[in-house]
Amino acid sequence: MRNMKRFMLTAVLATGLLASLQTQAALRSFEGWKLYNTYCFLCHGTTGKGDGPLAKSLKLTPRNLTDPVIIGQRSDRELVRLIRGMGAHDKVSDMPQWGSVLAEPQVESLVSYIRFLSSSPHGLVGDPQVGQQVYQRYCFACHGNDGKGNGVLSKLLPINPTDHTDAGVMDAMDNRMLKKIILHGEGRDSYMPAWDGILTEAEVDALVSYIRLLSHAK
């Protein structure tokens, strides 16, 4: 009996740890966005195009992080090493070596957000931090804290809530379409609530942006 209790406790802890890791992975691009707007935007710009406030003062133009060719030819490991300063930094480059400032998981989150900048066909139209608060208040019950469509109410529904971490599904909808679905639902037979009159336009834009980051969290 004692061994059985230990086994059950271990299984519960392992399940909780796995769920925690999955949530962390789903939020990786969001965490990267926050870090980017603390450490990187001064050089690379808020949109990642290399046009930040300090760009004109540097010896070399900062990389355009929205260029899929430039970013696509680098592996995640290479990007981590470059950000940390372990790669082959150009001798005349002004790229800081962030290894002494950022922990490894933070750098990995930055890489995830850089991947979003270079691969997402849709830009951010609102404040993702506000979007996260709205999501946790109104959306998590169906879509889950990690956005995978596994919220506590999902088992009661005859359909599966949309997996917001599925880039293929989410990228097929532009920001205007996603905003329309949030405001008005998806038709008479849909279980998606219409949030028009409950959420402000700014909150909807913020929510759209947060969902974009959820869908590019790898």
Protein backbone atom coordinates (compact mmCIF):
# COMPACT_ATOMS: atom_id res chain seq x y z
CA MET A 1 0.00 0.00 0.00
CA ARG A 2 2.83 2.37 0.87
CA ASN A 3 4.55 1.67 -2.45
CA MET A 4 1.28 2.29 -4.27
CA LYS A 5 0.88 5.68 -2.54
CA ARG A 6 4.44 6.57 -3.48
CA PHE A 7 3.78 5.55 -7.09
CA MET A 8 0.58 7.63 -7.22
CA LEU A 9 2.33 10.64 -5.69
CA THR A 10 5.19 10.33 -8.18
CA ALA A 11 2.73 10.08 -11.06
CA VAL A 12 0.86 13.19 -9.88
CA LEU A 13 4.09 15.14 -9.50
CA ALA A 14 5.32 14.00 -12.92
CA THR A 15 2.01 14.99 -14.52
CA GLY A 16 2.18 18.40 -12.86
CA LEU A 17 5.77 18.89 -13.97
CA LEU A 18 4.92 17.92 -17.55
CA ALA A 19 1.97 20.33 -17.60
CA SER A 20 4.21 23.07 -16.21
CA LEU A 21 6.85 22.44 -18.87
CA GLN A 22 4.21 22.46 -21.62
CA THR A 23 2.85 25.78 -20.36
CA GLN A 24 6.35 27.25 -20.23
CA ALA A 25 6.99 26.13 -23.81
CA ALA A 26 3.71 27.63 -25.00
CA LEU A 27 4.57 30.96 -23.38
CA ARG A 28 8.15 31.04 -24.68
CA SER A 29 7.59 33.58 -27.46
CA PHE A 30 5.62 35.79 -25.09
CA GLU A 31 8.48 35.75 -22.59
CA GLY A 32 10.86 36.44 -25.47
CA TRP A 33 8.76 39.44 -26.52
CA LYS A 34 9.10 40.91 -23.03
CA LEU A 35 12.86 40.35 -22.99
CA TYR A 36 13.24 41.73 -26.51
CA ASN A 37 11.48 44.95 -25.55
CA THR A 38 13.80 45.30 -22.59
CA TYR A 39 17.17 44.46 -24.12
CA CYS A 40 17.00 44.41 -27.92
CA PHE A 41 14.63 47.05 -29.30
CA LEU A 42 17.09 49.92 -28.85
CA CYS A 43 19.19 48.53 -31.68
CA HIS A 44 16.89 46.20 -33.61
CA GLY A 45 13.74 48.32 -33.33
CA THR A 46 10.30 47.47 -32.01
CA THR A 47 9.45 45.56 -35.19
CA GLY A 48 12.86 43.86 -35.50
CA LYS A 49 13.88 45.54 -38.75
CA GLY A 50 17.16 46.91 -37.36
CA ASP A 51 15.93 50.50 -37.08
CA GLY A 52 16.02 51.05 -33.32
CA PRO A 53 16.78 54.43 -31.66
CA LEU A 54 20.50 53.57 -31.37
CA ALA A 55 20.88 52.03 -34.84
CA LYS A 56 22.30 55.14 -36.52
CA SER A 57 24.96 55.49 -33.83
CA LEU A 58 26.41 52.03 -34.39
CA LYS A 59 29.31 51.04 -36.63
CA LEU A 60 27.21 48.39 -38.39
CA THR A 61 23.51 48.35 -39.10
CA PRO A 62 21.78 45.91 -36.72
CA ARG A 63 20.43 42.75 -38.27
CA ASN A 64 16.95 42.77 -39.76
CA LEU A 65 15.41 40.04 -37.62
CA THR A 66 12.30 39.88 -39.80
CA ASP A 67 14.31 38.57 -42.76
CA PRO A 68 13.49 34.84 -43.08
CA VAL A 69 16.66 34.21 -45.10
CA ILE A 70 19.02 35.74 -42.54
CA ILE A 71 17.35 34.08 -39.56
CA GLY A 72 16.34 30.89 -41.35
CA GLN A 73 19.94 29.93 -42.13
CA ARG A 74 20.81 29.91 -38.42
CA SER A 75 19.94 27.03 -36.12
CA ASP A 76 18.48 27.72 -32.68
CA ARG A 77 21.81 26.68 -31.16
CA GLU A 78 23.68 29.19 -33.33
CA LEU A 79 21.29 31.99 -32.39
CA VAL A 80 21.67 31.14 -28.70
CA ARG A 81 25.46 31.27 -29.00
CA LEU A 82 25.36 34.57 -30.91
CA ILE A 83 23.11 36.21 -28.34
CA ARG A 84 25.20 34.94 -25.45
CA GLY A 85 28.41 36.06 -27.16
CA MET A 86 29.81 32.58 -27.64
CA GLY A 87 29.70 32.73 -31.43
CA ALA A 88 32.00 34.44 -33.89
CA HIS A 89 31.09 38.09 -33.25
CA ASP A 90 32.47 40.43 -35.88
CA LYS A 91 35.38 42.47 -34.49
CA VAL A 92 33.67 45.71 -35.51
CA SER A 93 30.19 44.60 -34.48
CA ASP A 94 28.36 46.44 -31.71
CA MET A 95 26.31 43.35 -30.81
CA PRO A 96 26.45 43.00 -26.99
CA GLN A 97 27.35 39.68 -25.43
CA TRP A 98 24.31 38.92 -23.30
CA GLY A 99 25.61 35.72 -21.71
CA SER A 100 26.53 37.50 -18.48
CA VAL A 101 23.10 39.15 -18.22
CA LEU A 102 20.56 36.58 -19.42
CA ALA A 103 20.08 33.01 -18.25
CA GLU A 104 19.93 30.20 -20.80
CA PRO A 105 16.10 29.86 -20.69
CA GLN A 106 15.78 33.60 -21.28
CA VAL A 107 18.02 33.43 -24.32
CA GLU A 108 15.99 30.50 -25.63
CA SER A 109 12.83 32.58 -25.21
CA LEU A 110 14.47 35.39 -27.16
CA VAL A 111 15.28 32.95 -29.95
CA SER A 112 11.63 31.85 -29.99
CA TYR A 113 10.49 35.45 -30.41
CA ILE A 114 13.08 36.09 -33.11
CA ARG A 115 11.67 33.07 -34.96
CA PHE A 116 8.25 34.70 -34.67
CA LEU A 117 9.58 37.96 -36.13
CA SER A 118 11.07 36.14 -39.11
CA SER A 119 8.27 33.68 -39.81
CA SER A 120 4.88 35.03 -38.78
CA PRO A 121 2.87 36.56 -41.64
CA HIS A 122 0.96 38.69 -39.14
CA GLY A 123 2.29 41.51 -36.99
CA LEU A 124 1.36 42.44 -33.44
CA VAL A 125 -1.47 44.98 -33.33
CA GLY A 126 -1.75 45.42 -29.57
CA ASP A 127 0.02 44.93 -26.25
CA PRO A 128 0.58 41.18 -25.65
CA GLN A 129 1.01 41.77 -21.91
CA VAL A 130 -2.53 43.15 -21.72
CA GLY A 131 -3.56 40.30 -24.01
CA GLN A 132 -2.23 37.72 -21.56
CA GLN A 133 -4.31 39.23 -18.76
CA VAL A 134 -7.44 39.16 -20.94
CA TYR A 135 -6.68 35.58 -22.03
CA GLN A 136 -6.28 34.37 -18.46
CA ARG A 137 -9.52 36.06 -17.46
CA TYR A 138 -11.81 35.07 -20.32
CA CYS A 139 -10.21 32.39 -22.52
CA PHE A 140 -8.37 29.89 -20.36
CA ALA A 141 -11.49 27.98 -19.26
CA CYS A 142 -11.91 26.57 -22.78
CA HIS A 143 -8.53 27.08 -24.44
CA GLY A 144 -6.35 26.32 -21.40
CA ASN A 145 -3.59 28.33 -19.76
CA ASP A 146 -1.17 27.15 -22.44
CA GLY A 147 -3.60 27.80 -25.33
CA LYS A 148 -3.74 24.18 -26.49
CA GLY A 149 -7.53 23.91 -26.26
CA ASN A 150 -7.41 21.79 -23.10
CA GLY A 151 -9.17 24.07 -20.61
CA VAL A 152 -11.37 22.77 -17.80
CA LEU A 153 -14.55 23.35 -19.84
CA SER A 154 -13.20 21.63 -22.95
CA LYS A 155 -14.35 18.19 -21.75
CA LEU A 156 -17.92 19.44 -21.48
CA LEU A 157 -18.08 20.73 -25.04
CA PRO A 158 -19.09 18.62 -28.07
CA ILE A 159 -16.27 20.22 -30.08
CA ASN A 160 -12.61 20.81 -29.35
CA PRO A 161 -11.68 24.45 -28.66
CA THR A 162 -9.14 25.82 -31.11
CA ASP A 163 -5.50 25.05 -30.32
CA HIS A 164 -3.97 28.52 -30.33
CA THR A 165 -0.46 27.06 -30.39
CA ASP A 166 -1.03 25.55 -33.85
CA ALA A 167 0.77 27.97 -36.17
CA GLY A 168 -0.72 26.40 -39.30
CA VAL A 169 -4.28 26.99 -38.12
CA MET A 170 -3.67 30.44 -36.65
CA ASP A 171 -1.56 31.78 -39.52
CA ALA A 172 -4.39 30.94 -41.93
CA MET A 173 -6.43 33.68 -40.24
CA ASP A 174 -5.31 37.28 -40.62
CA ASN A 175 -5.63 39.72 -37.73
CA ARG A 176 -8.89 41.14 -39.05
CA MET A 177 -10.51 37.68 -39.21
CA LEU A 178 -9.25 36.70 -35.77
CA LYS A 179 -10.55 39.95 -34.31
CA LYS A 180 -13.97 39.35 -35.96
CA ILE A 181 -14.19 35.85 -34.44
CA ILE A 182 -13.37 37.18 -30.97
CA LEU A 183 -15.95 39.95 -31.23
CA HIS A 184 -18.80 38.08 -32.89
CA GLY A 185 -18.18 34.36 -32.42
CA GLU A 186 -18.16 31.86 -35.28
CA GLY A 187 -21.83 31.54 -36.21
CA ARG A 188 -25.06 30.15 -34.77
CA ASP A 189 -23.77 26.61 -34.15
CA SER A 190 -20.44 27.66 -32.63
CA TYR A 191 -19.63 27.48 -28.93
CA MET A 192 -17.22 30.40 -29.29
CA PRO A 193 -18.71 33.30 -27.29
CA ALA A 194 -19.07 36.75 -28.83
CA TRP A 195 -17.11 39.22 -26.72
CA ASP A 196 -18.40 42.38 -28.37
CA GLY A 197 -19.56 44.76 -25.66
CA ILE A 198 -17.44 43.00 -23.03
CA LEU A 199 -13.95 43.60 -24.38
CA THR A 200 -12.75 46.97 -25.61
CA GLU A 201 -11.15 47.29 -29.03
CA ALA A 202 -7.76 47.75 -27.38
CA GLU A 203 -8.26 44.55 -25.37
CA VAL A 204 -9.22 42.61 -28.49
CA ASP A 205 -6.13 43.88 -30.33
CA ALA A 206 -4.01 42.91 -27.32
CA LEU A 207 -5.63 39.46 -27.23
CA VAL A 208 -4.94 38.92 -30.95
CA SER A 209 -1.28 39.78 -30.38
CA TYR A 210 -0.96 37.42 -27.43
CA ILE A 211 -2.52 34.59 -29.45
CA ARG A 212 -0.03 35.29 -32.25
CA LEU A 213 2.82 34.72 -29.81
CA LEU A 214 1.21 31.54 -28.49
CA SER A 215 1.13 30.14 -32.02
CA HIS A 216 4.87 30.72 -32.53
CA ALA A 217 6.25 29.46 -29.26
CA LYS A 218 8.82 26.92 -30.47
